[in-house]
């Protein structure tokens, strides 16, 4: 399976940031795991390889930080002000969705 497809699947499980009827995962890697689980894919099987690779790509992109918040606050001047505001949660989820959209586009263009 192509990584772009994994990212598309993950979007379905990523929380939209609205508090009413919270559904979905807050973090992209958790959404990837949920996409695999929903398809009955166990973590230690060959079928999990593209899901594992997708999570590794996310980790590499935000390294050395373990979470997107850390990466943003170290890279984007003034990000901490937005990320510590009353709209921070919605802003972060919108950012995560935009990032997944960009990753889908990038990996589709590569044929992966």
Protein backbone atom coordinates (compact mmCIF):
# COMPACT_ATOMS: atom_id res chain seq x y z
CA UNK A 1 0.00 0.00 0.00
CA UNK A 2 1.19 3.50 -0.76
CA UNK A 3 1.99 5.91 2.06
CA UNK A 4 -0.25 8.54 0.48
CA UNK A 5 -3.17 6.15 0.99
CA UNK A 6 -2.24 5.71 4.65
CA UNK A 7 -2.24 9.50 5.08
CA UNK A 8 -5.68 9.67 3.41
CA UNK A 9 -6.99 7.01 5.76
CA UNK A 10 -5.53 8.85 8.76
CA UNK A 11 -7.45 12.02 7.86
CA UNK A 12 -10.67 10.12 8.46
CA UNK A 13 -9.61 9.46 12.05
CA UNK A 14 -8.02 12.83 12.87
CA UNK A 15 -10.18 14.99 15.12
CA UNK A 16 -11.51 18.14 13.47
CA UNK A 17 -10.86 20.29 16.55
CA UNK A 18 -14.47 21.01 17.43
CA UNK A 19 -15.47 20.33 21.01
CA UNK A 20 -19.04 19.33 20.23
CA UNK A 21 -19.14 15.57 19.95
CA UNK A 22 -15.38 15.05 20.04
CA UNK A 23 -14.58 12.23 17.67
CA UNK A 24 -11.24 11.16 16.36
CA UNK A 25 -7.63 11.24 17.36
CA UNK A 26 -5.81 14.40 18.34
CA UNK A 27 -2.43 13.35 16.92
CA UNK A 28 -1.61 12.25 13.38
CA UNK A 29 0.33 9.17 14.48
CA UNK A 30 -2.60 8.05 16.63
CA UNK A 31 -4.91 8.55 13.64
CA UNK A 32 -2.57 6.39 11.54
CA UNK A 33 -2.68 3.67 14.21
CA UNK A 34 -6.47 3.89 14.33
CA UNK A 35 -6.68 3.57 10.54
CA UNK A 36 -4.64 0.37 10.72
CA UNK A 37 -6.68 -0.99 13.63
CA UNK A 38 -9.93 -0.28 11.80
CA UNK A 39 -8.69 -2.46 8.96
CA UNK A 40 -7.70 -5.28 11.30
CA UNK A 41 -3.98 -4.75 10.75
CA UNK A 42 -1.81 -5.83 13.64
CA UNK A 43 1.35 -3.90 14.46
CA UNK A 44 3.80 -6.78 14.00
CA UNK A 45 2.61 -7.95 10.59
CA UNK A 46 3.90 -7.14 7.09
CA UNK A 47 0.62 -5.38 6.31
CA UNK A 48 1.53 -2.77 8.93
CA UNK A 49 4.69 -1.67 7.07
CA UNK A 50 3.16 1.34 5.26
CA UNK A 51 1.51 2.53 8.47
CA UNK A 52 4.80 2.25 10.32
CA UNK A 53 6.57 4.10 7.50
CA UNK A 54 3.97 6.90 7.60
CA UNK A 55 4.55 7.36 11.34
CA UNK A 56 8.32 7.38 10.76
CA UNK A 57 7.90 10.14 8.17
CA UNK A 58 5.96 12.23 10.67
CA UNK A 59 8.63 11.61 13.32
CA UNK A 60 11.46 12.53 10.96
CA UNK A 61 9.74 15.74 9.92
CA UNK A 62 9.32 17.01 13.48
CA UNK A 63 12.61 15.65 14.87
CA UNK A 64 14.14 16.24 17.34
CA UNK A 65 10.77 17.09 18.88
CA UNK A 66 8.35 14.38 19.88
CA UNK A 67 5.24 16.43 19.15
CA UNK A 68 4.21 19.04 16.60
CA UNK A 69 3.79 21.72 19.29
CA UNK A 70 7.51 21.53 20.10
CA UNK A 71 8.50 21.71 16.45
CA UNK A 72 6.26 24.71 15.78
CA UNK A 73 7.34 26.72 18.81
CA UNK A 74 11.01 26.17 17.98
CA UNK A 75 10.63 26.98 14.27
CA UNK A 76 7.90 29.60 13.96
CA UNK A 77 8.52 32.94 15.63
CA UNK A 78 5.62 33.88 17.89
CA UNK A 79 3.90 30.50 17.51
CA UNK A 80 3.74 30.08 21.28
CA UNK A 81 1.37 33.08 21.49
CA UNK A 82 -1.12 31.46 19.11
CA UNK A 83 -0.63 28.00 20.60
CA UNK A 84 -1.30 29.28 24.09
CA UNK A 85 -4.43 31.22 23.13
CA UNK A 86 -8.04 30.23 23.64
CA UNK A 87 -8.20 29.02 20.01
CA UNK A 88 -5.05 26.91 20.24
CA UNK A 89 -6.70 23.50 20.02
CA UNK A 90 -8.69 24.37 16.92
CA UNK A 91 -5.61 26.01 15.34
CA UNK A 92 -3.46 22.93 15.97
CA UNK A 93 -6.04 20.53 14.56
CA UNK A 94 -6.50 22.71 11.47
CA UNK A 95 -2.72 22.73 11.05
CA UNK A 96 -2.55 18.95 11.38
CA UNK A 97 -5.24 18.56 8.70
CA UNK A 98 -3.42 20.96 6.37
CA UNK A 99 -0.19 19.09 6.97
CA UNK A 100 -1.81 15.76 6.13
CA UNK A 101 -3.24 17.30 2.95
CA UNK A 102 0.26 18.46 2.00
CA UNK A 103 1.74 15.03 2.77
CA UNK A 104 -0.92 13.31 0.66
CA UNK A 105 -0.15 15.63 -2.25
CA UNK A 106 3.63 15.20 -1.83
CA UNK A 107 3.55 11.40 -1.71
CA UNK A 108 1.00 11.07 -4.50
CA UNK A 109 3.31 13.17 -6.69
CA UNK A 110 6.14 10.75 -5.86
CA UNK A 111 3.92 7.79 -6.72
CA UNK A 112 4.04 6.54 -3.16
